[in-house]
Amino acid sequence: MNFASALLPTDFRRSMTRPMRVFFTCTFLNALGNGLTYSFFVIYLHNVRHFSPQFATVLLAASAIAGLVTSPLWGTLVDRIGPLRVALFGYATSAAALSIWAFVTTRTSAAIVAIAMAIFSGAGWGPNATLLSRIAGRELRQQAFGFNFMLLNLGIGFGSLVSAVIVNLAHPVTFSVLYLLDAATTLPAAALFFTLRANGGPVRDHLDDPVRRAEGWRTVLADRRLVNYVLAAIVLLIGGYGSQEAGYSLFVINDLHISVHALGVIFFFNTTTIVLAQRWTLDRIAGRSRTRVLAIVGLLWFVFWIVLDAALAMPPVLAFAALGASMVVFAVAETMFQPVGSALVNEIAPEHLRGRYNAAAGLAWGLSTSTAPLITAIYFGRGLGNWWPLSVGIIALVGSGLMLNLRRSLSPSEDGRSAN
């Protein structure tokens, strides 16, 4: 109880239903497995399987594109057959793909499995967001997304610590063990997720209305609010998650010459901050302009990249301390982006199109994580890696400006400026 009281706002804790508790438990189990392999994609391919960094980053981009192309399909399926079935399919296929990924040795096998993992991962995030939005309801939605994100990072943090103990670049089998453990955690999570079947079916109440029944992707893409958000989020995420996933580990290990073990500790700073700061952030963004909060996210990410670039001129111990501190800054921005962005999208989404709206929002992640590796490959491929963090930081600032411009498309309620 003390733990929950410290991490959760009182009204949210008292209003939490059994389906919400089950959902959050699934989130933690999945995150625990994901934390074992978090940020190792490029390192695994380059430093363990000995593929070039260009191949690794381009494959990361290709995987993101594959996930991007199939995202609308998952959104449509969520609305037609419900988020539960789609998510369970994603659990099963992801577990199989991770098991194979643990033993890839050729470029062809790596490409096939990586793209398969990216495609099937689309059967997880969008359906999960749709289901959580349903079971939390409008009044608790922003807090629910924030708490879910906190649990996600708590699991990743514990997984990262375990991986820091197990992983060894001199012994490739340790990476195989991590990916197999990641696959194994998917199974109990899927079994628990199945108990939410009463909440995870398709919506039927719009079928009696011929106008709403005919609505689909054309209606979704005609929503100017959603389109403006997705465009702004693409740029902002290139300046944040996309570039962090694509090149941060590569830069820290190969340019700053910090060990892979220290890298796991640095990411633990990130996840620990998210766990400790999420309630504090939720309390302070409640009732605030969502677009202004998202603009502040870009500013904080700019600071993160500037510190990373400055670490080039620091001795190793000071550089490690600076990276840990900058990860705290990055994490605070994350605790703002995740609940606010998800709540905004689900605020404007009609129930019978909620799966498509979440899939459209997922396009921002797909486009950013496909573009960022290409940018990273250009910089590192041409020997300009030292300029890469500054360039990404500038992109984050541009994203801030676009988020501020988004405000004109939203009503005060949609922007979070009035009581729900």
Protein backbone atom coordinates (compact mmCIF):
# COMPACT_ATOMS: atom_id res chain seq x y z
CA MET A 1 0.00 0.00 0.00
CA ASN A 2 2.83 2.41 0.83
CA PHE A 3 4.44 1.68 -2.52
CA ALA A 4 1.19 2.34 -4.38
CA SER A 5 0.51 5.48 -2.34
CA ALA A 6 3.90 6.88 -3.23
CA LEU A 7 3.60 6.23 -6.94
CA LEU A 8 -0.11 6.79 -7.62
CA PRO A 9 -2.41 9.78 -7.14
CA THR A 10 -4.99 8.94 -4.48
CA ASP A 11 -8.06 9.36 -6.71
CA PHE A 12 -6.56 7.17 -9.40
CA ARG A 13 -5.56 4.44 -6.94
CA ARG A 14 -9.05 4.30 -5.47
CA SER A 15 -10.69 4.19 -8.90
CA MET A 16 -8.51 1.39 -10.27
CA THR A 17 -10.60 -1.60 -11.38
CA ARG A 18 -9.61 -5.25 -11.64
CA PRO A 19 -9.24 -5.09 -15.47
CA MET A 20 -6.87 -2.16 -15.03
CA ARG A 21 -4.78 -4.07 -12.48
CA VAL A 22 -4.59 -7.08 -14.81
CA PHE A 23 -3.61 -4.85 -17.72
CA PHE A 24 -0.86 -3.17 -15.71
CA THR A 25 0.51 -6.54 -14.59
CA CYS A 26 0.78 -7.62 -18.24
CA THR A 27 2.59 -4.39 -19.02
CA PHE A 28 5.17 -5.06 -16.32
CA LEU A 29 5.80 -8.65 -17.40
CA ASN A 30 6.32 -7.66 -21.01
CA ALA A 31 8.57 -4.78 -20.04
CA LEU A 32 10.69 -7.02 -17.86
CA GLY A 33 11.47 -9.15 -20.90
CA ASN A 34 11.98 -6.18 -23.19
CA GLY A 35 14.40 -4.63 -20.72
CA LEU A 36 16.73 -7.59 -21.14
CA THR A 37 17.37 -6.65 -24.77
CA TYR A 38 16.57 -2.92 -24.73
CA SER A 39 18.96 -0.83 -26.87
CA PHE A 40 20.99 -3.87 -28.01
CA PHE A 41 19.66 -4.09 -31.58
CA VAL A 42 22.56 -2.26 -33.27
CA ILE A 43 25.15 -3.54 -30.79
CA TYR A 44 23.97 -7.13 -31.29
CA LEU A 45 24.25 -6.93 -35.06
CA HIS A 46 27.50 -4.95 -35.18
CA ASN A 47 29.56 -5.96 -32.16
CA VAL A 48 28.28 -9.52 -31.72
CA ARG A 49 27.29 -10.73 -35.20
CA HIS A 50 29.94 -8.53 -36.85
CA PHE A 51 27.74 -6.84 -39.44
CA SER A 52 28.63 -3.27 -40.41
CA PRO A 53 27.03 -0.39 -38.46
CA GLN A 54 25.52 0.79 -41.75
CA PHE A 55 23.78 -2.57 -42.22
CA ALA A 56 22.54 -2.54 -38.62
CA THR A 57 21.12 0.99 -38.78
CA VAL A 58 19.60 0.49 -42.24
CA LEU A 59 17.99 -2.75 -41.08
CA LEU A 60 16.58 -0.89 -38.09
CA ALA A 61 15.11 1.65 -40.50
CA ALA A 62 13.75 -1.08 -42.80
CA SER A 63 12.14 -2.79 -39.83
CA ALA A 64 10.48 0.45 -38.83
CA ILE A 65 9.19 0.92 -42.38
CA ALA A 66 7.75 -2.61 -42.36
CA GLY A 67 5.97 -1.88 -39.10
CA LEU A 68 4.80 1.42 -40.53
CA VAL A 69 3.29 -0.12 -43.65
CA THR A 70 1.35 -2.74 -41.71
CA SER A 71 0.18 -0.42 -38.92
CA PRO A 72 -3.09 0.57 -40.67
CA LEU A 73 -3.97 -3.13 -41.03
CA TRP A 74 -3.66 -3.68 -37.27
CA GLY A 75 -5.77 -0.59 -36.59
CA THR A 76 -8.51 -1.85 -38.87
CA LEU A 77 -8.43 -5.31 -37.28
CA VAL A 78 -8.67 -3.80 -33.79
CA ASP A 79 -11.89 -2.00 -34.75
CA ARG A 80 -13.33 -5.07 -36.51
CA ILE A 81 -12.40 -8.00 -34.25
CA GLY A 82 -11.35 -6.22 -31.07
CA PRO A 83 -7.99 -5.39 -29.45
CA LEU A 84 -7.77 -8.63 -27.46
CA ARG A 85 -7.46 -11.03 -30.41
CA VAL A 86 -5.00 -8.79 -32.21
CA ALA A 87 -2.82 -8.39 -29.11
CA LEU A 88 -2.76 -12.13 -28.37
CA PHE A 89 -1.66 -12.81 -31.93
CA GLY A 90 1.10 -10.25 -31.44
CA TYR A 91 2.25 -11.95 -28.25
CA ALA A 92 2.55 -15.35 -29.92
CA THR A 93 4.33 -14.19 -33.06
CA SER A 94 6.72 -11.92 -31.14
CA ALA A 95 7.77 -14.81 -28.89
CA ALA A 96 8.51 -16.99 -31.92
CA ALA A 97 10.45 -14.23 -33.71
CA LEU A 98 12.56 -13.43 -30.64
CA SER A 99 13.49 -17.09 -30.27
CA ILE A 100 14.78 -17.20 -33.84
CA TRP A 101 16.49 -13.80 -33.53
CA ALA A 102 18.66 -15.19 -30.75
CA PHE A 103 20.50 -17.36 -33.28
CA VAL A 104 20.69 -15.32 -36.50
CA THR A 105 24.09 -15.52 -38.17
CA THR A 106 23.57 -14.23 -41.72
CA ARG A 107 22.38 -10.93 -43.15
CA THR A 108 19.43 -12.64 -44.80
CA SER A 109 18.18 -14.33 -41.65
CA ALA A 110 18.71 -11.16 -39.62
CA ALA A 111 16.75 -9.10 -42.15
CA ILE A 112 13.84 -11.55 -42.33
CA VAL A 113 13.47 -11.95 -38.58
CA ALA A 114 13.95 -8.25 -37.78
CA ILE A 115 11.26 -7.25 -40.25
CA ALA A 116 8.94 -9.96 -38.92
CA MET A 117 9.41 -8.71 -35.38
CA ALA A 118 8.64 -5.17 -36.50
CA ILE A 119 5.47 -6.23 -38.31
CA PHE A 120 4.11 -8.26 -35.42
CA SER A 121 5.00 -5.63 -32.83
CA GLY A 122 2.29 -3.52 -34.46
CA ALA A 123 -0.19 -6.08 -33.12
CA GLY A 124 0.73 -5.03 -29.60
CA TRP A 125 1.08 -1.28 -29.02
CA GLY A 126 -2.05 -0.07 -30.83
CA PRO A 127 -4.41 -2.71 -29.41
CA ASN A 128 -3.00 -2.15 -25.93
CA ALA A 129 -3.58 1.59 -26.14
CA THR A 130 -7.12 1.01 -27.37
CA LEU A 131 -7.91 -1.47 -24.59
CA LEU A 132 -6.42 0.70 -21.85
CA SER A 133 -8.38 3.69 -23.10
CA ARG A 134 -11.56 1.65 -22.81
CA ILE A 135 -11.06 0.21 -19.35
CA ALA A 136 -9.72 3.46 -17.84
CA GLY A 137 -12.43 5.77 -19.19
CA ARG A 138 -12.17 9.44 -20.10
CA GLU A 139 -11.58 10.86 -16.62
CA LEU A 140 -8.73 8.51 -15.72
CA ARG A 141 -7.23 8.14 -19.19
CA GLN A 142 -4.24 10.47 -18.87
CA GLN A 143 -3.32 9.10 -15.45
CA ALA A 144 -3.73 5.52 -16.69
CA PHE A 145 -1.40 6.06 -19.62
CA GLY A 146 1.10 7.72 -17.30
CA PHE A 147 1.03 4.87 -14.76
CA ASN A 148 1.25 2.29 -17.54
CA PHE A 149 4.33 4.05 -18.87
CA MET A 150 5.84 4.08 -15.40
CA LEU A 151 5.34 0.31 -15.06
CA LEU A 152 6.76 -0.18 -18.53
CA ASN A 153 9.96 1.53 -17.50
CA LEU A 154 10.08 -0.15 -14.11
CA GLY A 155 10.10 -3.49 -15.92
CA ILE A 156 12.67 -2.29 -18.45
CA GLY A 157 14.84 -1.00 -15.62
CA PHE A 158 14.91 -4.33 -13.83
CA GLY A 159 15.50 -6.11 -17.13
CA SER A 160 18.39 -3.77 -17.95
CA LEU A 161 20.06 -4.50 -14.63
CA VAL A 162 19.77 -8.24 -15.25
CA SER A 163 21.18 -7.83 -18.76
CA ALA A 164 24.13 -5.81 -17.43
CA VAL A 165 25.07 -8.83 -15.29
CA ILE A 166 24.57 -11.45 -18.02
CA VAL A 167 25.72 -9.80 -21.24
CA ASN A 168 29.31 -10.10 -22.44
CA LEU A 169 30.57 -8.97 -25.86
CA ALA A 170 33.21 -11.70 -25.79
CA HIS A 171 30.55 -14.39 -25.44
CA PRO A 172 27.78 -14.07 -28.06
CA VAL A 173 25.75 -16.82 -26.36
CA THR A 174 24.93 -14.38 -23.55
CA PHE A 175 22.97 -12.27 -26.03
CA SER A 176 21.11 -15.38 -27.20
CA VAL A 177 20.16 -16.08 -23.58
CA LEU A 178 18.76 -12.56 -23.21
CA TYR A 179 16.57 -12.81 -26.30
CA LEU A 180 15.27 -16.24 -25.26
CA LEU A 181 14.38 -14.90 -21.82
CA ASP A 182 12.59 -11.99 -23.50
CA ALA A 183 10.53 -14.48 -25.51
CA ALA A 184 9.75 -16.54 -22.41
CA THR A 185 8.26 -13.62 -20.47
CA THR A 186 5.73 -13.11 -23.28
CA LEU A 187 3.89 -16.35 -22.52
CA PRO A 188 2.63 -15.67 -18.96
CA ALA A 189 1.75 -12.13 -20.01
CA ALA A 190 -0.38 -13.48 -22.86
CA ALA A 191 -2.17 -15.92 -20.54
CA LEU A 192 -3.02 -13.13 -18.12
CA PHE A 193 -4.05 -10.80 -20.94
CA PHE A 194 -6.59 -13.39 -22.10
CA THR A 195 -8.60 -12.82 -18.91
CA LEU A 196 -9.52 -9.36 -20.28
CA ARG A 197 -11.64 -10.89 -23.04
CA ALA A 198 -14.82 -9.28 -21.65
CA ASN A 199 -13.31 -5.85 -22.36
CA GLY A 200 -11.41 -6.64 -25.54
CA GLY A 201 -14.10 -7.34 -28.12
CA PRO A 202 -15.12 -5.20 -31.10
CA VAL A 203 -17.50 -2.24 -30.76
CA ARG A 204 -20.98 -2.92 -32.18
CA ASP A 205 -23.12 0.06 -31.19
CA HIS A 206 -22.29 2.05 -34.33
CA LEU A 207 -23.57 -0.64 -36.70
CA ASP A 208 -27.16 0.62 -36.53
CA ASP A 209 -26.08 4.00 -37.89
CA PRO A 210 -25.38 3.76 -41.65
CA VAL A 211 -23.21 6.89 -41.59
CA ARG A 212 -20.96 5.77 -38.77
CA ARG A 213 -20.90 2.20 -40.10
CA ALA A 214 -19.44 3.47 -43.37
CA GLU A 215 -16.69 5.48 -41.67
CA GLY A 216 -13.15 4.18 -41.97
CA TRP A 217 -9.64 5.36 -42.79
CA ARG A 218 -10.92 8.16 -45.02
CA THR A 219 -12.69 9.64 -42.00
CA VAL A 220 -9.62 9.23 -39.82
CA LEU A 221 -7.27 10.89 -42.31
CA ALA A 222 -9.71 13.77 -42.83
CA ASP A 223 -9.39 14.72 -39.15
CA ARG A 224 -7.08 17.73 -39.24
CA ARG A 225 -6.39 17.49 -35.52
CA LEU A 226 -5.01 13.99 -35.84
CA VAL A 227 -2.99 14.73 -38.97
CA ASN A 228 -1.38 17.79 -37.38
CA TYR A 229 -0.54 15.81 -34.26
CA VAL A 230 1.04 12.96 -36.22
CA LEU A 231 3.19 15.35 -38.27
CA ALA A 232 4.38 17.18 -35.16
CA ALA A 233 5.01 13.90 -33.31
CA ILE A 234 7.10 12.52 -36.18
CA VAL A 235 9.56 15.40 -35.93
CA LEU A 236 9.56 15.42 -32.15
CA LEU A 237 10.18 11.67 -31.94
CA ILE A 238 13.05 11.83 -34.43
CA GLY A 239 14.57 14.26 -31.96
CA GLY A 240 13.89 11.84 -29.12
CA TYR A 241 13.17 8.12 -29.07
CA GLY A 242 13.97 7.44 -32.72
CA SER A 243 17.50 8.77 -32.58
CA GLN A 244 18.15 7.41 -29.11
CA GLU A 245 17.30 3.91 -30.30
CA ALA A 246 19.18 4.28 -33.58
CA GLY A 247 22.50 5.67 -32.44
CA TYR A 248 22.81 6.44 -28.75
CA SER A 249 24.36 3.10 -27.74
CA LEU A 250 26.62 3.15 -30.80
CA PHE A 251 27.82 6.68 -29.97
CA VAL A 252 28.40 5.94 -26.28
CA ILE A 253 30.35 2.72 -26.86
CA ASN A 254 32.31 3.54 -30.03
CA ASP A 255 32.77 7.34 -29.77
CA LEU A 256 32.86 7.91 -26.01
CA HIS A 257 34.43 4.47 -25.35
CA ILE A 258 32.18 3.70 -22.39
CA SER A 259 31.64 -0.01 -21.66
CA VAL A 260 28.49 -1.94 -22.45
CA HIS A 261 28.06 -2.63 -18.72
CA ALA A 262 28.08 1.09 -17.95
CA LEU A 263 25.52 1.58 -20.72
CA GLY A 264 23.07 -0.65 -18.87
CA VAL A 265 23.54 1.45 -15.73
CA ILE A 266 22.95 4.66 -17.71
CA PHE A 267 19.65 3.32 -18.97
CA PHE A 268 18.78 2.35 -15.42
CA PHE A 269 19.07 6.06 -14.51
CA ASN A 270 16.44 6.65 -17.17
CA THR A 271 13.97 4.06 -16.02
CA THR A 272 14.44 4.83 -12.32
CA THR A 273 13.69 8.49 -12.95
CA ILE A 274 10.53 7.60 -14.82
CA VAL A 275 9.30 5.46 -11.93
CA LEU A 276 10.05 8.10 -9.32
CA ALA A 277 8.97 11.15 -11.32
CA GLN A 278 5.80 9.95 -13.07
CA ARG A 279 3.40 10.86 -10.26
CA TRP A 280 5.10 14.24 -9.78
CA THR A 281 4.73 14.92 -13.49
CA LEU A 282 1.11 13.77 -13.66
CA ASP A 283 0.20 16.10 -10.81
CA ARG A 284 1.79 19.07 -12.57
CA ILE A 285 0.49 18.53 -16.10
CA ALA A 286 -3.12 17.96 -15.00
CA GLY A 287 -5.26 20.74 -16.46
CA ARG A 288 -2.31 22.15 -18.45
CA SER A 289 -2.20 22.73 -22.18
CA ARG A 290 -1.20 19.41 -23.70
CA THR A 291 0.48 21.07 -26.68
CA ARG A 292 2.61 23.26 -24.41
CA VAL A 293 3.62 20.23 -22.37
CA LEU A 294 4.66 18.45 -25.57
CA ALA A 295 6.67 21.50 -26.62
CA ILE A 296 8.58 21.37 -23.33
CA VAL A 297 9.38 17.74 -24.11
CA GLY A 298 11.30 18.83 -27.21
CA LEU A 299 13.22 21.43 -25.22
CA LEU A 300 14.29 18.88 -22.63
CA TRP A 301 15.38 16.44 -25.34
CA PHE A 302 17.48 19.22 -26.90
CA VAL A 303 19.32 19.55 -23.59
CA PHE A 304 19.88 15.78 -23.53
CA TRP A 305 21.60 15.77 -26.94
CA ILE A 306 23.75 18.80 -26.16
CA VAL A 307 25.09 17.09 -23.05
CA LEU A 308 25.84 13.96 -25.07
CA ASP A 309 27.84 16.00 -27.57
CA ALA A 310 29.69 17.84 -24.80
CA ALA A 311 30.70 14.49 -23.25
CA LEU A 312 33.22 14.08 -26.08
CA ALA A 313 35.43 16.64 -24.35
CA MET A 314 35.10 15.08 -20.89
CA PRO A 315 37.21 12.44 -19.14
CA PRO A 316 35.47 9.04 -18.86
CA VAL A 317 34.27 9.38 -15.26
CA LEU A 318 32.84 12.86 -15.82
CA ALA A 319 31.31 11.77 -19.13
CA PHE A 320 29.57 8.86 -17.39
CA ALA A 321 28.17 11.21 -14.73
CA ALA A 322 27.01 13.67 -17.40
CA LEU A 323 25.29 10.92 -19.39
CA GLY A 324 23.53 9.70 -16.25
CA ALA A 325 22.30 13.22 -15.49
CA SER A 326 21.16 13.80 -19.07
CA MET A 327 19.25 10.53 -18.97
CA VAL A 328 17.33 11.93 -16.03
CA VAL A 329 16.38 14.93 -18.18
CA PHE A 330 15.35 12.68 -21.05
CA ALA A 331 13.25 10.59 -18.66
CA VAL A 332 11.37 13.57 -17.25
CA ALA A 333 10.43 14.49 -20.81
CA GLU A 334 9.22 10.94 -21.38
CA THR A 335 6.91 11.11 -18.35
CA MET A 336 5.32 14.12 -20.02
CA PHE A 337 5.12 12.86 -23.60
CA GLN A 338 3.66 9.40 -23.05
CA PRO A 339 0.51 10.20 -21.04
CA VAL A 340 -0.20 13.47 -22.81
CA GLY A 341 0.27 12.25 -26.38
CA SER A 342 -1.79 9.10 -25.83
CA ALA A 343 -4.54 10.96 -23.97
CA LEU A 344 -4.76 13.61 -26.69
CA VAL A 345 -5.22 11.03 -29.45
CA ASN A 346 -7.84 9.07 -27.53
CA GLU A 347 -9.63 12.28 -26.53
CA ILE A 348 -10.39 13.10 -30.18
CA ALA A 349 -11.00 9.49 -31.28
CA PRO A 350 -14.59 8.19 -31.62
CA GLU A 351 -15.00 4.78 -30.00
CA HIS A 352 -15.73 2.85 -33.19
CA LEU A 353 -12.57 4.26 -34.82
CA ARG A 354 -10.32 4.18 -31.78
CA GLY A 355 -8.17 1.36 -33.14
CA ARG A 356 -7.52 3.30 -36.34
CA TYR A 357 -6.76 6.53 -34.46
CA ASN A 358 -4.21 4.74 -32.28
CA ALA A 359 -2.73 3.08 -35.36
CA ALA A 360 -2.44 6.49 -37.03
CA ALA A 361 -0.68 7.84 -33.95
CA GLY A 362 1.58 4.80 -34.17
CA LEU A 363 2.57 6.00 -37.65
CA ALA A 364 4.47 8.79 -35.95
CA TRP A 365 6.55 6.19 -34.12
CA GLY A 366 7.03 4.19 -37.30
CA LEU A 367 8.08 7.13 -39.45
CA SER A 368 10.38 8.53 -36.78
CA THR A 369 12.07 5.21 -36.07
CA SER A 370 12.56 4.61 -39.79
CA THR A 371 13.90 8.09 -40.53
CA ALA A 372 16.17 8.44 -37.50
CA PRO A 373 18.35 5.39 -38.35
CA LEU A 374 18.84 6.71 -41.88
CA ILE A 375 19.99 10.06 -40.51
CA THR A 376 22.25 8.24 -38.08
CA ALA A 377 23.73 6.07 -40.84
CA ILE A 378 24.55 9.15 -42.93
CA TYR A 379 26.39 10.85 -40.09
CA PHE A 380 28.33 7.80 -38.92
CA GLY A 381 28.95 6.52 -42.44
CA ARG A 382 30.61 9.80 -43.44
CA GLY A 383 32.67 10.18 -40.28
CA LEU A 384 30.48 12.98 -38.92
CA GLY A 385 29.33 11.20 -35.77
CA ASN A 386 30.54 14.03 -33.53
CA TRP A 387 27.99 16.36 -35.16
CA TRP A 388 25.12 13.90 -34.90
CA PRO A 389 23.87 14.74 -31.36
CA LEU A 390 23.68 18.50 -32.10
CA SER A 391 21.72 17.89 -35.30
CA VAL A 392 19.24 15.64 -33.50
CA GLY A 393 18.82 18.26 -30.77
CA ILE A 394 17.87 20.87 -33.35
CA ILE A 395 15.25 18.49 -34.77
CA ALA A 396 13.78 18.18 -31.26
CA LEU A 397 13.40 21.97 -31.09
CA VAL A 398 11.60 22.00 -34.43
CA GLY A 399 9.22 19.40 -33.02
CA SER A 400 8.51 21.73 -30.11
CA GLY A 401 7.49 24.48 -32.49
CA LEU A 402 5.16 22.18 -34.41
CA MET A 403 3.49 21.06 -31.18
CA LEU A 404 2.81 24.68 -30.23
CA ASN A 405 1.28 25.24 -33.65
CA LEU A 406 -0.99 22.22 -33.11
CA ARG A 407 -2.85 24.08 -30.39
CA ARG A 408 -4.79 26.09 -32.98
CA SER A 409 -6.46 22.88 -34.21
CA LEU A 410 -7.75 21.82 -30.78
CA SER A 411 -10.57 22.93 -28.53
CA PRO A 412 -9.63 23.89 -24.94
CA SER A 413 -11.00 20.55 -23.72
CA GLU A 414 -9.04 18.54 -26.28
CA ASP A 415 -5.91 20.49 -25.34
CA GLY A 416 -6.49 19.65 -21.69
CA ARG A 417 -7.10 23.25 -20.66
CA SER A 418 -10.51 22.61 -19.13
CA ALA A 419 -11.87 20.13 -16.64
CA ASN A 420 -12.67 16.70 -18.07
